Protein backbone atom coordinates (compact mmCIF):
# COMPACT_ATOMS: atom_id res chain seq x y z
CA MET A 1 -41.32 0.44 -59.76
CA SER A 2 -43.65 -2.29 -61.23
CA ASP A 3 -47.75 -1.86 -60.77
CA ASP A 4 -47.69 -4.50 -58.27
CA SER A 5 -44.87 -3.86 -56.12
CA ALA A 6 -45.72 -0.90 -53.10
CA PRO A 7 -43.49 2.28 -53.51
CA SER A 8 -41.03 2.87 -51.19
CA PRO A 9 -39.47 4.92 -48.95
CA GLU A 10 -36.82 7.28 -49.27
CA PRO A 11 -34.91 6.90 -46.21
CA ILE A 12 -33.80 9.84 -44.44
CA ARG A 13 -30.58 10.24 -42.68
CA PHE A 14 -29.25 8.93 -39.64
CA PHE A 15 -33.48 7.57 -39.41
CA GLY A 16 -33.41 5.33 -42.46
CA THR A 17 -37.30 4.35 -43.57
CA GLY A 18 -37.90 3.80 -39.52
CA TRP A 19 -39.49 7.27 -39.18
CA VAL A 20 -42.77 5.57 -41.86
CA THR A 21 -43.87 3.57 -38.92
CA HIS A 22 -41.50 5.43 -36.24
CA ASP A 23 -39.99 2.23 -35.34
CA THR A 24 -36.41 0.54 -35.04
CA GLY A 25 -35.24 3.18 -32.00
CA TYR A 26 -36.77 6.29 -34.32
CA TRP A 27 -37.33 8.30 -30.71
CA LEU A 28 -33.78 7.14 -29.72
CA ARG A 29 -32.60 8.35 -32.69
CA ARG A 30 -34.78 11.72 -32.59
CA VAL A 31 -33.03 12.44 -29.11
CA ALA A 32 -29.61 11.52 -29.83
CA VAL A 33 -29.89 13.96 -33.28
CA SER A 34 -30.86 16.45 -31.37
CA THR A 35 -28.33 16.36 -28.94
CA GLY A 36 -26.01 16.55 -31.60
CA ALA A 37 -27.51 19.05 -33.43
CA LEU A 38 -27.73 21.39 -30.55
CA VAL A 39 -24.33 20.26 -29.79
CA ALA A 40 -23.02 20.96 -32.93
CA THR A 41 -24.61 24.64 -33.32
CA VAL A 42 -22.91 25.99 -30.20
CA ALA A 43 -19.79 25.09 -31.40
CA GLY A 44 -20.54 26.83 -34.42
CA ALA A 45 -21.68 29.76 -32.53
CA LEU A 46 -18.66 29.52 -30.21
CA LEU A 47 -16.31 29.13 -33.24
CA MET A 48 -18.17 31.68 -35.38
CA ARG A 49 -17.57 34.46 -32.10
CA LEU A 50 -14.14 33.34 -32.19
CA GLY A 51 -13.82 34.51 -35.87
CA VAL A 52 -15.70 37.73 -35.68
CA GLN A 53 -13.89 38.56 -32.50
CA GLY A 54 -10.56 38.30 -34.05
CA VAL A 55 -11.95 40.76 -36.41
CA PHE A 56 -12.93 42.92 -33.42
CA VAL A 57 -9.45 42.68 -32.04
CA SER A 58 -7.51 44.11 -35.04
CA LYS A 59 -9.26 47.09 -34.28
CA SER A 60 -10.14 48.01 -37.72
CA GLY A 61 -12.81 50.22 -37.67
CA SER A 62 -16.38 49.91 -36.26
CA LEU A 63 -17.42 50.34 -39.89
CA VAL A 64 -16.18 47.18 -40.34
CA ASN A 65 -17.08 45.50 -37.42
CA VAL A 66 -20.51 46.73 -37.95
CA LEU A 67 -20.60 45.32 -41.72
CA LEU A 68 -19.02 42.13 -40.32
CA VAL A 69 -22.00 41.15 -37.94
CA GLY A 70 -24.08 42.50 -40.17
CA ALA A 71 -22.93 40.16 -42.97
CA VAL A 72 -22.97 37.37 -40.42
CA LEU A 73 -26.28 37.78 -39.28
CA VAL A 74 -28.47 38.11 -42.83
CA CYS A 75 -26.36 35.07 -43.74
CA THR A 76 -27.11 33.15 -40.97
CA ALA A 77 -30.78 34.22 -41.50
CA VAL A 78 -30.55 33.15 -45.28
CA ALA A 79 -29.35 29.81 -43.91
CA ALA A 80 -31.86 29.59 -41.74
CA VAL A 81 -35.14 30.20 -44.22
CA ARG A 82 -33.64 27.83 -46.87
CA SER A 83 -33.01 25.30 -44.56
CA TRP A 84 -36.52 25.52 -43.07
CA ASN A 85 -37.98 25.20 -46.32
CA LEU A 86 -35.91 22.55 -47.32
CA PHE A 87 -36.99 19.98 -44.16
CA GLY A 88 -40.51 21.40 -44.69
CA LYS A 89 -41.47 21.51 -48.14
CA GLY A 90 -38.50 20.15 -50.32
CA ARG A 91 -36.33 21.38 -52.94
CA SER A 92 -39.66 21.87 -55.19
CA ALA A 93 -40.69 24.75 -52.57
CA LEU A 94 -36.94 26.75 -53.34
CA THR A 95 -37.81 29.17 -55.92
CA GLY A 96 -35.46 31.97 -57.49
CA TRP A 97 -31.84 32.89 -56.12
CA MET A 98 -32.35 30.44 -53.25
CA ALA A 99 -33.02 27.38 -55.45
CA GLU A 100 -29.64 27.42 -56.64
CA ASP A 101 -27.14 25.91 -54.69
CA ARG A 102 -24.13 28.06 -56.40
CA SER A 103 -25.60 31.18 -55.71
CA VAL A 104 -26.46 30.50 -52.23
CA GLY A 105 -23.24 28.50 -51.48
CA PRO A 106 -21.18 31.17 -49.75
CA MET A 107 -23.86 32.52 -47.82
CA LEU A 108 -24.89 28.74 -46.63
CA ALA A 109 -20.68 28.38 -45.51
CA ILE A 110 -21.06 31.91 -43.43
CA GLY A 111 -24.35 31.36 -42.15
CA PHE A 112 -23.96 27.78 -41.18
CA VAL A 113 -24.98 28.65 -37.73
CA GLY A 114 -28.75 29.05 -38.79
CA ALA A 115 -29.03 26.03 -41.06
CA LEU A 116 -28.07 23.48 -37.43
CA ALA A 117 -29.91 25.88 -34.96
CA VAL A 118 -33.19 24.80 -37.54
CA TYR A 119 -31.89 21.48 -38.24
CA PHE A 120 -32.13 21.32 -34.03
CA LEU A 121 -35.44 22.60 -34.29
CA ARG A 122 -37.08 20.64 -37.02
CA SER A 123 -35.26 17.07 -35.12
CA LEU A 124 -37.57 18.22 -32.01
CA ALA A 125 -41.03 17.88 -33.84
CA GLU A 126 -39.76 15.18 -36.35
CA ALA A 127 -37.15 13.90 -38.22
CA PRO A 128 -35.98 16.77 -40.70
CA GLY A 129 -37.05 16.07 -44.17
CA GLU A 130 -39.76 14.06 -42.97
CA ALA A 131 -42.72 15.74 -43.37
CA GLU A 132 -42.29 16.25 -47.08
CA LYS A 133 -40.48 12.47 -47.31
CA ARG A 134 -44.45 11.74 -46.02
CA ALA A 135 -46.36 13.52 -48.22
CA ARG A 136 -44.37 12.32 -51.29
CA TYR A 137 -44.57 8.80 -49.88
CA GLU A 138 -48.71 8.79 -49.06
CA LEU A 139 -49.21 10.37 -52.67
CA ALA A 140 -47.17 7.57 -54.08
CA LEU A 141 -49.47 5.09 -52.05
CA ALA A 142 -52.23 7.08 -52.91
CA ALA A 143 -51.37 6.38 -56.62
CA ARG A 144 -51.19 3.42 -56.20
CA ALA A 145 -54.34 2.01 -54.41
CA ARG A 146 -55.84 4.53 -57.50
CA ARG A 147 -54.34 2.09 -60.53
CA ARG A 148 -54.88 -1.29 -58.70
CA PRO A 149 -58.25 -2.38 -58.71
CA PRO A 150 -59.60 -3.83 -54.78
CA VAL A 151 -59.29 -7.74 -54.67
CA PRO A 152 -62.72 -9.47 -54.66
CA ALA A 153 -63.71 -11.66 -52.03
CA GLY A 154 -62.95 -14.77 -53.48
CA GLY A 155 -59.41 -13.66 -53.61
CA ARG A 156 -58.91 -13.74 -57.21
CA ARG A 157 -59.30 -11.13 -59.97
CA LYS A 158 -61.12 -11.53 -62.92
CA ARG A 159 -58.65 -12.56 -66.38
CA ARG A 160 -59.26 -10.24 -68.70
């Protein structure tokens, strides 16, 4: 990026760069993304229920059933909290073991319903990830405005 070019906004999946000015069908995309996320959340919950029900039917014992349900709930909560922070504040807000994809990967795979539910909830308020990308874009615009002196009334800058 040169000094004379304006910073360009980062695209968001399904929204491109239309999130900056809320044009190019932004609201229609928000409705479609919200609907798709809700359908995916419901389908994922049904799929998870089917898997857990299979363990219940096997009559493996109440301890196994309680541990399984507990593990699914914890993994769903971890996936939801991580996704909420990721969409709202960005990857830089993740600290400790939540920042490492390798250590959290299995929990995210089990708790995918929590991540889908958060995606749905964020899509009701904004494009998921918009707040973090908007903050970065506005910082880049402000930095550019500080670097660049204002143009005089005549339209020409003084040469040094």
